[in-house]
Amino acid sequence: MLCYSKHYSFKNRKLKTDSKKRRFLYFYNMARKTKDPGLGYNSKENAQSVIKDDGSSNVNHINRKRNVNDLYSFFVDISWVHFFLLIILTYTLLNVFFGLIYVAIGIEEITKPKETFFADFLNGFFFSAQTLTTVGYGGIVPKGIASNLVAAFEAMIGLLSFSFITGLLYGRFSKPKASLKFSKNLIIRDFKENKALMFRLMNSRKTVMIEPEIKVTLSVTENDGKGSFKRNFYELKLERDRIMYLPTIWTIVHLIDEESPLFKYSKAEIKNLDARLFLLVNYHEESFSQKVYQIHNYDFDDLLLDVKYVSSSSFDDEGYTVLDHAKLSEVENM
């Protein structure tokens, strides 16, 4: 009996030791720092994020070599307003340039001279527009060798320019883009006998997102005690990091338990951290029949405490699900 008791006590102590070891290893694996995801370890107080809220880069490049290939990326990535403004501005400047050339070589080579320089310039400008677009109304025609050479060269530039613009339009329309909307704020609230960090994302199209998957990296800027600031990175464990499909809203939950790098902080301390969340979401987009990616970031200044998200979906009288996009970021007191 004594032997059995000693054996049982030894076995029990061994099980407790193994259990503590497993918990330690699990905590170490989940809360340990991860490698720099490309943002850099060095930082400074109140440093700006390298990723903007819309997912675009917030890095100022200097001494960067540029080439012609960068033009395509530039015109495809800029906004539609800037795109059409640049086209109108370039079109106007080209016509002004060639209009002045026609005046310089002699406006009489394309039409009868007027009494003022401005009137002659307008004739040259409008003839340039007709030549550049290959419309050719016939009211003004080149008569001399010089004007014919300039008109021929301008017509070639017009054909190349409109071919280039057509390719850019196709590239802009055919470029696959994600259609996710993110809640404006993060929240921290009590959840499952602990607390949890949450945010929401929404499908802004009517198509169903297939197999959406998300990765969340926490970046915390800390003072090393020597006057310098350093970023530490953690890959957060989520309650669910992938689902089968997303027709409506997905609430992303990070449980702040002993395996979380935020566990050692209170809610108020987390709110005051110089920290950011960097998100990467990918899913199969039916509209483009391929996988698309979207990035986003949250500053902990956007953190709300002890609130919960308002339900943004309901049912109509016929039983159909109704999704209210205006309620994506709406919260209420618990």
C-alpha atoms as a PDB file:
ATOM      1  CA  MET A   1       0.000   0.000   0.000  1.00  0.00           C
ATOM      2  CA  LEU A   2       2.836   2.337   0.851  1.00  0.00           C
ATOM      3  CA  CYS A   3       4.599   1.481  -2.385  1.00  0.00           C
ATOM      4  CA  TYR A   4       1.467   2.175  -4.368  1.00  0.00           C
ATOM      5  CA  SER A   5       1.044   5.503  -2.599  1.00  0.00           C
ATOM      6  CA  LYS A   6       4.619   6.528  -3.365  1.00  0.00           C
ATOM      7  CA  HIS A   7       4.194   5.437  -6.962  1.00  0.00           C
ATOM      8  CA  TYR A   8       0.943   7.351  -7.255  1.00  0.00           C
ATOM      9  CA  SER A   9       2.477  10.485  -5.680  1.00  0.00           C
ATOM     10  CA  PHE A  10       5.490  10.319  -7.983  1.00  0.00           C
ATOM     11  CA  LYS A  11       3.270   9.807 -11.006  1.00  0.00           C
ATOM     12  CA  ASN A  12       1.029  12.687  -9.963  1.00  0.00           C
ATOM     13  CA  ARG A  13       3.999  15.019  -9.515  1.00  0.00           C
ATOM     14  CA  LYS A  14       5.333  13.948 -12.925  1.00  0.00           C
ATOM     15  CA  LEU A  15       1.984  14.673 -14.573  1.00  0.00           C
ATOM     16  CA  LYS A  16       1.846  18.133 -12.972  1.00  0.00           C
ATOM     17  CA  THR A  17       5.413  18.835 -14.065  1.00  0.00           C
ATOM     18  CA  ASP A  18       4.667  17.709 -17.615  1.00  0.00           C
ATOM     19  CA  SER A  19       1.509  19.796 -17.638  1.00  0.00           C
ATOM     20  CA  LYS A  20       3.405  22.909 -16.514  1.00  0.00           C
ATOM     21  CA  LYS A  21       6.070  22.217 -19.117  1.00  0.00           C
ATOM     22  CA  ARG A  22       3.478  21.905 -21.862  1.00  0.00           C
ATOM     23  CA  ARG A  23       1.799  25.142 -20.767  1.00  0.00           C
ATOM     24  CA  PHE A  24       5.137  26.926 -20.731  1.00  0.00           C
ATOM     25  CA  LEU A  25       6.099  25.648 -24.174  1.00  0.00           C
ATOM     26  CA  TYR A  26       2.687  26.516 -25.563  1.00  0.00           C
ATOM     27  CA  PHE A  27       2.835  30.009 -24.063  1.00  0.00           C
ATOM     28  CA  TYR A  28       6.360  30.460 -25.360  1.00  0.00           C
ATOM     29  CA  ASN A  29       5.369  29.442 -28.876  1.00  0.00           C
ATOM     30  CA  MET A  30       2.277  31.654 -28.979  1.00  0.00           C
ATOM     31  CA  ALA A  31       3.488  34.824 -27.214  1.00  0.00           C
ATOM     32  CA  ARG A  32       7.081  34.896 -28.339  1.00  0.00           C
ATOM     33  CA  LYS A  33       8.277  37.616 -30.650  1.00  0.00           C
ATOM     34  CA  THR A  34       8.092  36.907 -34.345  1.00  0.00           C
ATOM     35  CA  LYS A  35      10.522  38.005 -37.016  1.00  0.00           C
ATOM     36  CA  ASP A  36      10.302  41.414 -38.636  1.00  0.00           C
ATOM     37  CA  PRO A  37       7.578  41.165 -41.336  1.00  0.00           C
ATOM     38  CA  GLY A  38       9.297  43.882 -43.373  1.00  0.00           C
ATOM     39  CA  LEU A  39       8.468  46.914 -41.255  1.00  0.00           C
ATOM     40  CA  GLY A  40      11.834  47.267 -39.515  1.00  0.00           C
ATOM     41  CA  TYR A  41      12.713  46.928 -35.840  1.00  0.00           C
ATOM     42  CA  ASN A  42      13.920  50.515 -35.369  1.00  0.00           C
ATOM     43  CA  SER A  43      11.320  53.102 -34.463  1.00  0.00           C
ATOM     44  CA  LYS A  44      10.782  56.420 -32.721  1.00  0.00           C
ATOM     45  CA  GLU A  45       8.178  57.919 -30.469  1.00  0.00           C
ATOM     46  CA  ASN A  46       4.882  58.534 -32.332  1.00  0.00           C
ATOM     47  CA  ALA A  47       6.286  57.035 -35.547  1.00  0.00           C
ATOM     48  CA  GLN A  48       3.844  56.977 -38.464  1.00  0.00           C
ATOM     49  CA  SER A  49       2.591  53.646 -39.740  1.00  0.00           C
ATOM     50  CA  VAL A  50       4.284  52.251 -42.852  1.00  0.00           C
ATOM     51  CA  ILE A  51       0.850  51.113 -44.071  1.00  0.00           C
ATOM     52  CA  LYS A  52      -2.030  53.546 -44.593  1.00  0.00           C
ATOM     53  CA  ASP A  53      -5.588  52.749 -43.570  1.00  0.00           C
ATOM     54  CA  ASP A  54      -6.506  51.919 -47.161  1.00  0.00           C
ATOM     55  CA  GLY A  55      -3.652  49.403 -47.360  1.00  0.00           C
ATOM     56  CA  SER A  56      -1.334  51.497 -49.511  1.00  0.00           C
ATOM     57  CA  SER A  57       2.297  52.210 -48.648  1.00  0.00           C
ATOM     58  CA  ASN A  58       3.138  55.144 -46.384  1.00  0.00           C
ATOM     59  CA  VAL A  59       6.894  55.040 -47.067  1.00  0.00           C
ATOM     60  CA  ASN A  60       8.744  58.002 -48.578  1.00  0.00           C
ATOM     61  CA  HIS A  61      11.311  56.699 -51.074  1.00  0.00           C
ATOM     62  CA  ILE A  62      14.497  58.644 -51.801  1.00  0.00           C
ATOM     63  CA  ASN A  63      17.283  57.963 -54.314  1.00  0.00           C
ATOM     64  CA  ARG A  64      15.040  55.432 -56.054  1.00  0.00           C
ATOM     65  CA  LYS A  65      15.827  54.761 -59.682  1.00  0.00           C
ATOM     66  CA  ARG A  66      12.832  55.045 -61.986  1.00  0.00           C
ATOM     67  CA  ASN A  67      12.244  53.511 -65.401  1.00  0.00           C
ATOM     68  CA  VAL A  68       9.567  53.446 -68.072  1.00  0.00           C
ATOM     69  CA  ASN A  69       7.988  50.305 -66.624  1.00  0.00           C
ATOM     70  CA  ASP A  70       7.003  52.296 -63.528  1.00  0.00           C
ATOM     71  CA  LEU A  71       4.596  54.377 -65.636  1.00  0.00           C
ATOM     72  CA  TYR A  72       2.163  51.507 -66.094  1.00  0.00           C
ATOM     73  CA  SER A  73       2.015  50.783 -62.357  1.00  0.00           C
ATOM     74  CA  PHE A  74       1.634  54.481 -61.617  1.00  0.00           C
ATOM     75  CA  PHE A  75      -1.312  54.984 -63.988  1.00  0.00           C
ATOM     76  CA  VAL A  76      -3.027  51.762 -62.913  1.00  0.00           C
ATOM     77  CA  ASP A  77      -2.751  52.482 -59.179  1.00  0.00           C
ATOM     78  CA  ILE A  78      -3.747  56.166 -59.029  1.00  0.00           C
ATOM     79  CA  SER A  79      -7.357  57.166 -58.424  1.00  0.00           C
ATOM     80  CA  TRP A  80      -9.821  57.557 -61.298  1.00  0.00           C
ATOM     81  CA  VAL A  81     -10.031  61.322 -60.699  1.00  0.00           C
ATOM     82  CA  HIS A  82      -6.249  61.746 -60.959  1.00  0.00           C
ATOM     83  CA  PHE A  83      -6.156  59.418 -63.964  1.00  0.00           C
ATOM     84  CA  PHE A  84      -8.622  61.461 -66.036  1.00  0.00           C
ATOM     85  CA  LEU A  85      -7.165  64.774 -64.874  1.00  0.00           C
ATOM     86  CA  LEU A  86      -3.730  63.679 -66.115  1.00  0.00           C
ATOM     87  CA  ILE A  87      -5.206  62.584 -69.456  1.00  0.00           C
ATOM     88  CA  ILE A  88      -7.007  65.929 -69.930  1.00  0.00           C
ATOM     89  CA  LEU A  89      -3.929  67.898 -68.872  1.00  0.00           C
ATOM     90  CA  THR A  90      -1.618  65.927 -71.212  1.00  0.00           C
ATOM     91  CA  TYR A  91      -4.088  66.228 -74.107  1.00  0.00           C
ATOM     92  CA  THR A  92      -4.371  70.004 -73.601  1.00  0.00           C
ATOM     93  CA  LEU A  93      -0.604  70.535 -73.335  1.00  0.00           C
ATOM     94  CA  LEU A  94       0.039  68.504 -76.492  1.00  0.00           C
ATOM     95  CA  ASN A  95      -2.436  70.599 -78.450  1.00  0.00           C
ATOM     96  CA  VAL A  96      -0.971  73.828 -77.060  1.00  0.00           C
ATOM     97  CA  PHE A  97       2.527  72.641 -78.042  1.00  0.00           C
ATOM     98  CA  PHE A  98       1.596  71.703 -81.609  1.00  0.00           C
ATOM     99  CA  GLY A  99      -0.662  74.766 -81.951  1.00  0.00           C
ATOM    100  CA  LEU A 100       2.324  76.987 -81.225  1.00  0.00           C
ATOM    101  CA  ILE A 101       4.416  75.034 -83.744  1.00  0.00           C
ATOM    102  CA  TYR A 102       1.812  75.637 -86.472  1.00  0.00           C
ATOM    103  CA  VAL A 103       1.834  79.352 -85.662  1.00  0.00           C
ATOM    104  CA  ALA A 104       5.641  79.398 -85.667  1.00  0.00           C
ATOM    105  CA  ILE A 105       5.990  77.765 -89.121  1.00  0.00           C
ATOM    106  CA  GLY A 106       3.244  80.004 -90.494  1.00  0.00           C
ATOM    107  CA  ILE A 107      -0.474  79.670 -89.875  1.00  0.00           C
ATOM    108  CA  GLU A 108      -1.028  80.360 -93.574  1.00  0.00           C
ATOM    109  CA  GLU A 109       0.173  76.805 -94.262  1.00  0.00           C
ATOM    110  CA  ILE A 110      -3.051  75.425 -92.779  1.00  0.00           C
ATOM    111  CA  THR A 111      -5.582  78.302 -92.976  1.00  0.00           C
ATOM    112  CA  LYS A 112      -5.947  82.040 -93.600  1.00  0.00           C
ATOM    113  CA  PRO A 113      -4.208  84.231 -91.016  1.00  0.00           C
ATOM    114  CA  LYS A 114      -6.322  86.245 -88.583  1.00  0.00           C
ATOM    115  CA  GLU A 115      -5.741  89.703 -87.227  1.00  0.00           C
ATOM    116  CA  THR A 116      -4.387  88.636 -83.815  1.00  0.00           C
ATOM    117  CA  PHE A 117      -1.861  86.088 -82.564  1.00  0.00           C
ATOM    118  CA  PHE A 118      -4.460  84.535 -80.232  1.00  0.00           C
ATOM    119  CA  ALA A 119      -6.879  83.925 -83.128  1.00  0.00           C
ATOM    120  CA  ASP A 120      -4.107  82.278 -85.148  1.00  0.00           C
ATOM    121  CA  PHE A 121      -3.130  80.194 -82.110  1.00  0.00           C
ATOM    122  CA  LEU A 122      -6.731  78.987 -81.694  1.00  0.00           C
ATOM    123  CA  ASN A 123      -6.773  77.827 -85.334  1.00  0.00           C
ATOM    124  CA  GLY A 124      -3.519  75.976 -84.744  1.00  0.00           C
ATOM    125  CA  PHE A 125      -4.826  74.522 -81.470  1.00  0.00           C
ATOM    126  CA  PHE A 126      -8.062  73.193 -83.000  1.00  0.00           C
ATOM    127  CA  PHE A 127      -6.248  71.826 -86.051  1.00  0.00           C
ATOM    128  CA  SER A 128      -3.871  70.045 -83.654  1.00  0.00           C
ATOM    129  CA  ALA A 129      -6.837  68.522 -81.780  1.00  0.00           C
ATOM    130  CA  GLN A 130      -8.326  67.252 -85.067  1.00  0.00           C
ATOM    131  CA  THR A 131      -4.990  65.767 -86.137  1.00  0.00           C
ATOM    132  CA  LEU A 132      -4.165  64.242 -82.729  1.00  0.00           C
ATOM    133  CA  THR A 133      -7.522  62.465 -82.565  1.00  0.00           C
ATOM    134  CA  THR A 134      -7.419  61.626 -86.326  1.00  0.00           C
ATOM    135  CA  VAL A 135     -10.869  63.236 -86.754  1.00  0.00           C
ATOM    136  CA  GLY A 136      -9.888  65.484 -89.654  1.00  0.00           C
ATOM    137  CA  TYR A 137     -12.995  67.610 -90.322  1.00  0.00           C
ATOM    138  CA  GLY A 138     -11.447  69.053 -93.464  1.00  0.00           C
ATOM    139  CA  GLY A 139     -12.105  72.714 -92.636  1.00  0.00           C
ATOM    140  CA  ILE A 140      -8.408  73.227 -91.967  1.00  0.00           C
ATOM    141  CA  VAL A 141      -5.831  71.240 -93.920  1.00  0.00           C
ATOM    142  CA  PRO A 142      -2.034  71.398 -94.158  1.00  0.00           C
ATOM    143  CA  LYS A 143      -0.763  72.859 -97.428  1.00  0.00           C
ATOM    144  CA  GLY A 144       2.992  73.177 -97.060  1.00  0.00           C
ATOM    145  CA  ILE A 145       5.704  70.562 -96.572  1.00  0.00           C
ATOM    146  CA  ALA A 146       6.536  71.738 -93.029  1.00  0.00           C
ATOM    147  CA  SER A 147       2.921  71.659 -91.830  1.00  0.00           C
ATOM    148  CA  ASN A 148       2.371  68.216 -93.432  1.00  0.00           C
ATOM    149  CA  LEU A 149       5.475  66.831 -91.701  1.00  0.00           C
ATOM    150  CA  VAL A 150       4.343  68.175 -88.327  1.00  0.00           C
ATOM    151  CA  ALA A 151       0.781  66.877 -88.863  1.00  0.00           C
ATOM    152  CA  ALA A 152       2.063  63.422 -89.844  1.00  0.00           C
ATOM    153  CA  PHE A 153       4.261  63.241 -86.744  1.00  0.00           C
ATOM    154  CA  GLU A 154       1.404  64.459 -84.528  1.00  0.00           C
ATOM    155  CA  ALA A 155      -0.992  61.861 -85.987  1.00  0.00           C
ATOM    156  CA  MET A 156       1.493  59.122 -85.071  1.00  0.00           C
ATOM    157  CA  ILE A 157       1.729  60.446 -81.515  1.00  0.00           C
ATOM    158  CA  GLY A 158      -2.075  60.502 -81.342  1.00  0.00           C
ATOM    159  CA  LEU A 159      -2.389  56.855 -82.403  1.00  0.00           C
ATOM    160  CA  LEU A 160       0.254  55.745 -79.897  1.00  0.00           C
ATOM    161  CA  SER A 161      -1.253  57.853 -77.103  1.00  0.00           C
ATOM    162  CA  PHE A 162      -4.766  56.514 -77.508  1.00  0.00           C
ATOM    163  CA  SER A 163      -3.469  52.946 -77.740  1.00  0.00           C
ATOM    164  CA  PHE A 164      -1.613  53.530 -74.484  1.00  0.00           C
ATOM    165  CA  ILE A 165      -4.706  54.990 -72.822  1.00  0.00           C
ATOM    166  CA  THR A 166      -6.858  52.081 -74.033  1.00  0.00           C
ATOM    167  CA  GLY A 167      -4.386  49.614 -72.508  1.00  0.00           C
ATOM    168  CA  LEU A 168      -4.409  51.531 -69.223  1.00  0.00           C
ATOM    169  CA  LEU A 169      -8.214  51.546 -69.121  1.00  0.00           C
ATOM    170  CA  TYR A 170      -8.274  47.786 -69.651  1.00  0.00           C
ATOM    171  CA  GLY A 171      -5.597  47.318 -66.974  1.00  0.00           C
ATOM    172  CA  ARG A 172      -7.513  49.414 -64.469  1.00  0.00           C
ATOM    173  CA  PHE A 173     -10.822  47.617 -65.072  1.00  0.00           C
ATOM    174  CA  SER A 174      -9.313  44.130 -65.157  1.00  0.00           C
ATOM    175  CA  LYS A 175      -7.080  44.556 -62.082  1.00  0.00           C
ATOM    176  CA  PRO A 176      -8.471  42.279 -59.344  1.00  0.00           C
ATOM    177  CA  LYS A 177      -9.403  44.217 -56.231  1.00  0.00           C
ATOM    178  CA  ALA A 178     -10.667  43.041 -52.880  1.00  0.00           C
ATOM    179  CA  SER A 179     -13.973  44.408 -51.637  1.00  0.00           C
ATOM    180  CA  LEU A 180     -13.590  44.317 -47.863  1.00  0.00           C
ATOM    181  CA  LYS A 181     -14.677  47.039 -45.478  1.00  0.00           C
ATOM    182  CA  PHE A 182     -13.199  47.165 -41.983  1.00  0.00           C
ATOM    183  CA  SER A 183     -14.754  48.549 -38.824  1.00  0.00           C
ATOM    184  CA  LYS A 184     -13.389  51.960 -37.856  1.00  0.00           C
ATOM    185  CA  ASN A 185     -12.501  50.879 -34.334  1.00  0.00           C
ATOM    186  CA  LEU A 186     -11.036  48.001 -32.406  1.00  0.00           C
ATOM    187  CA  ILE A 187     -12.769  46.989 -29.199  1.00  0.00           C
ATOM    188  CA  ILE A 188     -11.702  45.202 -26.037  1.00  0.00           C
ATOM    189  CA  ARG A 189     -14.357  43.648 -23.853  1.00  0.00           C
ATOM    190  CA  ASP A 190     -14.858  40.797 -21.413  1.00  0.00           C
ATOM    191  CA  PHE A 191     -15.142  37.508 -23.250  1.00  0.00           C
ATOM    192  CA  LYS A 192     -15.151  33.879 -22.055  1.00  0.00           C
ATOM    193  CA  GLU A 193     -13.872  34.584 -18.519  1.00  0.00           C
ATOM    194  CA  ASN A 194     -11.060  36.701 -19.986  1.00  0.00           C
ATOM    195  CA  LYS A 195     -10.979  39.689 -22.273  1.00  0.00           C
ATOM    196  CA  ALA A 196     -10.726  39.790 -26.061  1.00  0.00           C
ATOM    197  CA  LEU A 197      -9.565  42.131 -28.796  1.00  0.00           C
ATOM    198  CA  MET A 198     -12.054  42.351 -31.670  1.00  0.00           C
ATOM    199  CA  PHE A 199     -12.711  44.056 -34.978  1.00  0.00           C
ATOM    200  CA  ARG A 200     -15.097  43.356 -37.847  1.00  0.00           C
ATOM    201  CA  LEU A 201     -14.837  43.097 -41.605  1.00  0.00           C
ATOM    202  CA  MET A 202     -17.617  43.066 -44.164  1.00  0.00           C
ATOM    203  CA  ASN A 203     -18.158  41.828 -47.686  1.00  0.00           C
ATOM    204  CA  SER A 204     -19.076  45.012 -49.585  1.00  0.00           C
ATOM    205  CA  ARG A 205     -20.083  43.146 -52.768  1.00  0.00           C
ATOM    206  CA  LYS A 206     -23.060  40.900 -53.412  1.00  0.00           C
ATOM    207  CA  THR A 207     -20.794  38.038 -54.444  1.00  0.00           C
ATOM    208  CA  VAL A 208     -19.788  35.457 -51.829  1.00  0.00           C
ATOM    209  CA  MET A 209     -16.169  35.477 -50.674  1.00  0.00           C
ATOM    210  CA  ILE A 210     -14.776  31.947 -50.910  1.00  0.00           C
ATOM    211  CA  GLU A 211     -12.409  30.662 -48.201  1.00  0.00           C
ATOM    212  CA  PRO A 212     -11.392  34.008 -46.664  1.00  0.00           C
ATOM    213  CA  GLU A 213      -8.275  33.796 -44.501  1.00  0.00           C
ATOM    214  CA  ILE A 214      -6.691  36.416 -42.241  1.00  0.00           C
ATOM    215  CA  LYS A 215      -3.329  36.915 -40.554  1.00  0.00           C
ATOM    216  CA  VAL A 216      -2.879  39.505 -37.813  1.00  0.00           C
ATOM    217  CA  THR A 217       0.488  40.846 -36.651  1.00  0.00           C
ATOM    218  CA  LEU A 218       0.804  42.992 -33.544  1.00  0.00           C
ATOM    219  CA  SER A 219       3.523  45.650 -33.576  1.00  0.00           C
ATOM    220  CA  VAL A 220       4.407  47.206 -30.203  1.00  0.00           C
ATOM    221  CA  THR A 221       6.889  50.086 -29.981  1.00  0.00           C
ATOM    222  CA  GLU A 222       8.727  50.088 -26.657  1.00  0.00           C
ATOM    223  CA  ASN A 223      11.439  52.211 -25.089  1.00  0.00           C
ATOM    224  CA  ASP A 224      14.563  50.143 -24.456  1.00  0.00           C
ATOM    225  CA  GLY A 225      15.514  52.349 -21.500  1.00  0.00           C
ATOM    226  CA  LYS A 226      18.413  53.956 -23.366  1.00  0.00           C
ATOM    227  CA  GLY A 227      16.441  56.601 -25.210  1.00  0.00           C
ATOM    228  CA  SER A 228      15.820  54.441 -28.280  1.00  0.00           C
ATOM    229  CA  PHE A 229      12.587  52.867 -29.453  1.00  0.00           C
ATOM    230  CA  LYS A 230      12.247  49.404 -30.883  1.00  0.00           C
ATOM    231  CA  ARG A 231       9.400  47.510 -32.483  1.00  0.00           C
ATOM    232  CA  ASN A 232       8.484  44.040 -31.262  1.00  0.00           C
ATOM    233  CA  PHE A 233       6.259  41.848 -33.433  1.00  0.00           C
ATOM    234  CA  TYR A 234       3.820  39.122 -32.443  1.00  0.00           C
ATOM    235  CA  GLU A 235       1.607  36.975 -34.647  1.00  0.00           C
ATOM    236  CA  LEU A 236      -1.717  36.883 -32.837  1.00  0.00           C
ATOM    237  CA  LYS A 237      -3.652  33.691 -32.358  1.00  0.00           C
ATOM    238  CA  LEU A 238      -7.258  34.143 -33.489  1.00  0.00           C
ATOM    239  CA  GLU A 239     -10.396  32.336 -32.476  1.00  0.00           C
ATOM    240  CA  ARG A 240     -10.834  31.593 -36.203  1.00  0.00           C
ATOM    241  CA  ASP A 241      -8.375  32.645 -38.881  1.00  0.00           C
ATOM    242  CA  ARG A 242     -10.289  31.167 -41.832  1.00  0.00           C
ATOM    243  CA  ILE A 243     -13.863  30.335 -42.756  1.00  0.00           C
ATOM    244  CA  MET A 244     -15.532  28.574 -45.677  1.00  0.00           C
ATOM    245  CA  TYR A 245     -17.229  31.634 -47.157  1.00  0.00           C
ATOM    246  CA  LEU A 246     -18.294  35.148 -46.191  1.00  0.00           C
ATOM    247  CA  PRO A 247     -21.604  36.566 -47.459  1.00  0.00           C
ATOM    248  CA  THR A 248     -22.048  39.127 -44.648  1.00  0.00           C
ATOM    249  CA  ILE A 249     -19.850  40.070 -41.640  1.00  0.00           C
ATOM    250  CA  TRP A 250     -16.966  38.346 -39.855  1.00  0.00           C
ATOM    251  CA  THR A 251     -15.943  39.352 -36.328  1.00  0.00           C
ATOM    252  CA  ILE A 252     -12.245  38.659 -35.746  1.00  0.00           C
ATOM    253  CA  VAL A 253     -11.508  37.702 -32.128  1.00  0.00           C
ATOM    254  CA  HIS A 254      -8.155  37.479 -30.347  1.00  0.00           C
ATOM    255  CA  LEU A 255      -8.628  36.016 -26.870  1.00  0.00           C
ATOM    256  CA  ILE A 256      -6.342  37.773 -24.372  1.00  0.00           C
ATOM    257  CA  ASP A 257      -5.427  34.842 -22.157  1.00  0.00           C
ATOM    258  CA  GLU A 258      -2.057  33.780 -20.724  1.00  0.00           C
ATOM    259  CA  GLU A 259      -0.951  32.794 -24.224  1.00  0.00           C
ATOM    260  CA  SER A 260      -1.441  36.347 -25.558  1.00  0.00           C
ATOM    261  CA  PRO A 261       1.318  38.979 -25.612  1.00  0.00           C
ATOM    262  CA  LEU A 262      -1.300  41.434 -24.264  1.00  0.00           C
ATOM    263  CA  PHE A 263      -2.125  39.321 -21.209  1.00  0.00           C
ATOM    264  CA  LYS A 264       0.249  41.216 -18.891  1.00  0.00           C
ATOM    265  CA  TYR A 265      -1.539  44.527 -19.556  1.00  0.00           C
ATOM    266  CA  SER A 266      -4.809  45.852 -18.192  1.00  0.00           C
ATOM    267  CA  LYS A 267      -7.430  47.235 -20.570  1.00  0.00           C
ATOM    268  CA  ALA A 268      -6.345  50.803 -19.851  1.00  0.00           C
ATOM    269  CA  GLU A 269      -2.678  49.907 -20.388  1.00  0.00           C
ATOM    270  CA  ILE A 270      -3.496  48.254 -23.723  1.00  0.00           C
ATOM    271  CA  LYS A 271      -5.356  51.408 -24.763  1.00  0.00           C
ATOM    272  CA  ASN A 272      -2.215  53.480 -24.057  1.00  0.00           C
ATOM    273  CA  LEU A 273       0.213  51.166 -25.867  1.00  0.00           C
ATOM    274  CA  ASP A 274       2.081  52.541 -28.874  1.00  0.00           C
ATOM    275  CA  ALA A 275       0.911  49.609 -30.931  1.00  0.00           C
ATOM    276  CA  ARG A 276      -0.653  48.704 -34.262  1.00  0.00           C
ATOM    277  CA  LEU A 277      -2.331  45.718 -35.853  1.00  0.00           C
ATOM    278  CA  PHE A 278      -1.303  44.825 -39.399  1.00  0.00           C
ATOM    279  CA  LEU A 279      -3.816  42.672 -41.266  1.00  0.00           C
ATOM    280  CA  LEU A 280      -3.529  40.567 -44.383  1.00  0.00           C
ATOM    281  CA  VAL A 281      -6.745  39.081 -45.784  1.00  0.00           C
ATOM    282  CA  ASN A 282      -7.014  36.875 -48.857  1.00  0.00           C
ATOM    283  CA  TYR A 283      -9.927  35.076 -50.471  1.00  0.00           C
ATOM    284  CA  HIS A 284     -11.139  33.776 -53.834  1.00  0.00           C
ATOM    285  CA  GLU A 285     -13.033  36.528 -55.661  1.00  0.00           C
ATOM    286  CA  GLU A 286     -15.765  35.251 -57.986  1.00  0.00           C
ATOM    287  CA  SER A 287     -15.778  38.439 -60.087  1.00  0.00           C
ATOM    288  CA  PHE A 288     -12.158  37.879 -61.183  1.00  0.00           C
ATOM    289  CA  SER A 289     -12.014  34.081 -60.684  1.00  0.00           C
ATOM    290  CA  GLN A 290      -8.780  34.357 -58.721  1.00  0.00           C
ATOM    291  CA  LYS A 291      -7.425  34.969 -55.232  1.00  0.00           C
ATOM    292  CA  VAL A 292      -7.203  38.586 -54.131  1.00  0.00           C
ATOM    293  CA  TYR A 293      -5.465  40.230 -51.174  1.00  0.00           C
ATOM    294  CA  GLN A 294      -6.216  43.240 -49.023  1.00  0.00           C
ATOM    295  CA  ILE A 295      -4.128  44.803 -46.268  1.00  0.00           C
ATOM    296  CA  HIS A 296      -5.236  47.098 -43.489  1.00  0.00           C
ATOM    297  CA  ASN A 297      -3.928  48.429 -40.195  1.00  0.00           C
ATOM    298  CA  TYR A 298      -5.323  49.626 -36.891  1.00  0.00           C
ATOM    299  CA  ASP A 299      -3.736  52.062 -34.456  1.00  0.00           C
ATOM    300  CA  PHE A 300      -4.470  51.400 -30.793  1.00  0.00           C
ATOM    301  CA  ASP A 301      -5.697  54.994 -30.596  1.00  0.00           C
ATOM    302  CA  ASP A 302      -8.785  53.560 -32.346  1.00  0.00           C
ATOM    303  CA  LEU A 303      -9.399  51.200 -29.412  1.00  0.00           C
ATOM    304  CA  LEU A 304     -12.720  51.297 -27.533  1.00  0.00           C
ATOM    305  CA  LEU A 305     -13.146  49.682 -24.114  1.00  0.00           C
ATOM    306  CA  ASP A 306     -16.043  47.658 -22.727  1.00  0.00           C
ATOM    307  CA  VAL A 307     -18.418  48.021 -25.664  1.00  0.00           C
ATOM    308  CA  LYS A 308     -19.809  45.508 -28.134  1.00  0.00           C
ATOM    309  CA  TYR A 309     -20.682  45.664 -31.792  1.00  0.00           C
ATOM    310  CA  VAL A 310     -24.283  46.176 -32.795  1.00  0.00           C
ATOM    311  CA  SER A 311     -25.743  43.430 -34.950  1.00  0.00           C
ATOM    312  CA  SER A 312     -25.696  44.592 -38.551  1.00  0.00           C
ATOM    313  CA  SER A 313     -27.846  41.854 -40.064  1.00  0.00           C
ATOM    314  CA  SER A 314     -31.522  41.107 -39.652  1.00  0.00           C
ATOM    315  CA  PHE A 315     -34.395  39.409 -41.467  1.00  0.00           C
ATOM    316  CA  ASP A 316     -37.137  41.009 -43.536  1.00  0.00           C
ATOM    317  CA  ASP A 317     -40.790  39.952 -43.608  1.00  0.00           C
ATOM    318  CA  GLU A 318     -40.081  37.313 -46.255  1.00  0.00           C
ATOM    319  CA  GLY A 319     -37.225  35.773 -44.271  1.00  0.00           C
ATOM    320  CA  TYR A 320     -34.347  37.151 -46.345  1.00  0.00           C
ATOM    321  CA  THR A 321     -31.173  38.302 -44.597  1.00  0.00           C
ATOM    322  CA  VAL A 322     -30.716  42.078 -44.663  1.00  0.00           C
ATOM    323  CA  LEU A 323     -27.180  43.467 -44.216  1.00  0.00           C
ATOM    324  CA  ASP A 324     -26.906  47.086 -43.035  1.00  0.00           C
ATOM    325  CA  HIS A 325     -23.514  48.448 -44.150  1.00  0.00           C
ATOM    326  CA  ALA A 326     -23.943  51.562 -42.012  1.00  0.00           C
ATOM    327  CA  LYS A 327     -23.793  49.458 -38.827  1.00  0.00           C
ATOM    328  CA  LEU A 328     -20.397  47.868 -39.493  1.00  0.00           C
ATOM    329  CA  SER A 329     -18.645  50.081 -36.884  1.00  0.00           C
ATOM    330  CA  GLU A 330     -21.619  50.820 -34.643  1.00  0.00           C
ATOM    331  CA  VAL A 331     -21.128  49.846 -30.995  1.00  0.00           C
ATOM    332  CA  GLU A 332     -23.187  49.881 -27.813  1.00  0.00           C
ATOM    333  CA  ASN A 333     -22.480  49.632 -24.101  1.00  0.00           C
ATOM    334  CA  MET A 334     -22.442  46.181 -22.624  1.00  0.00           C
END
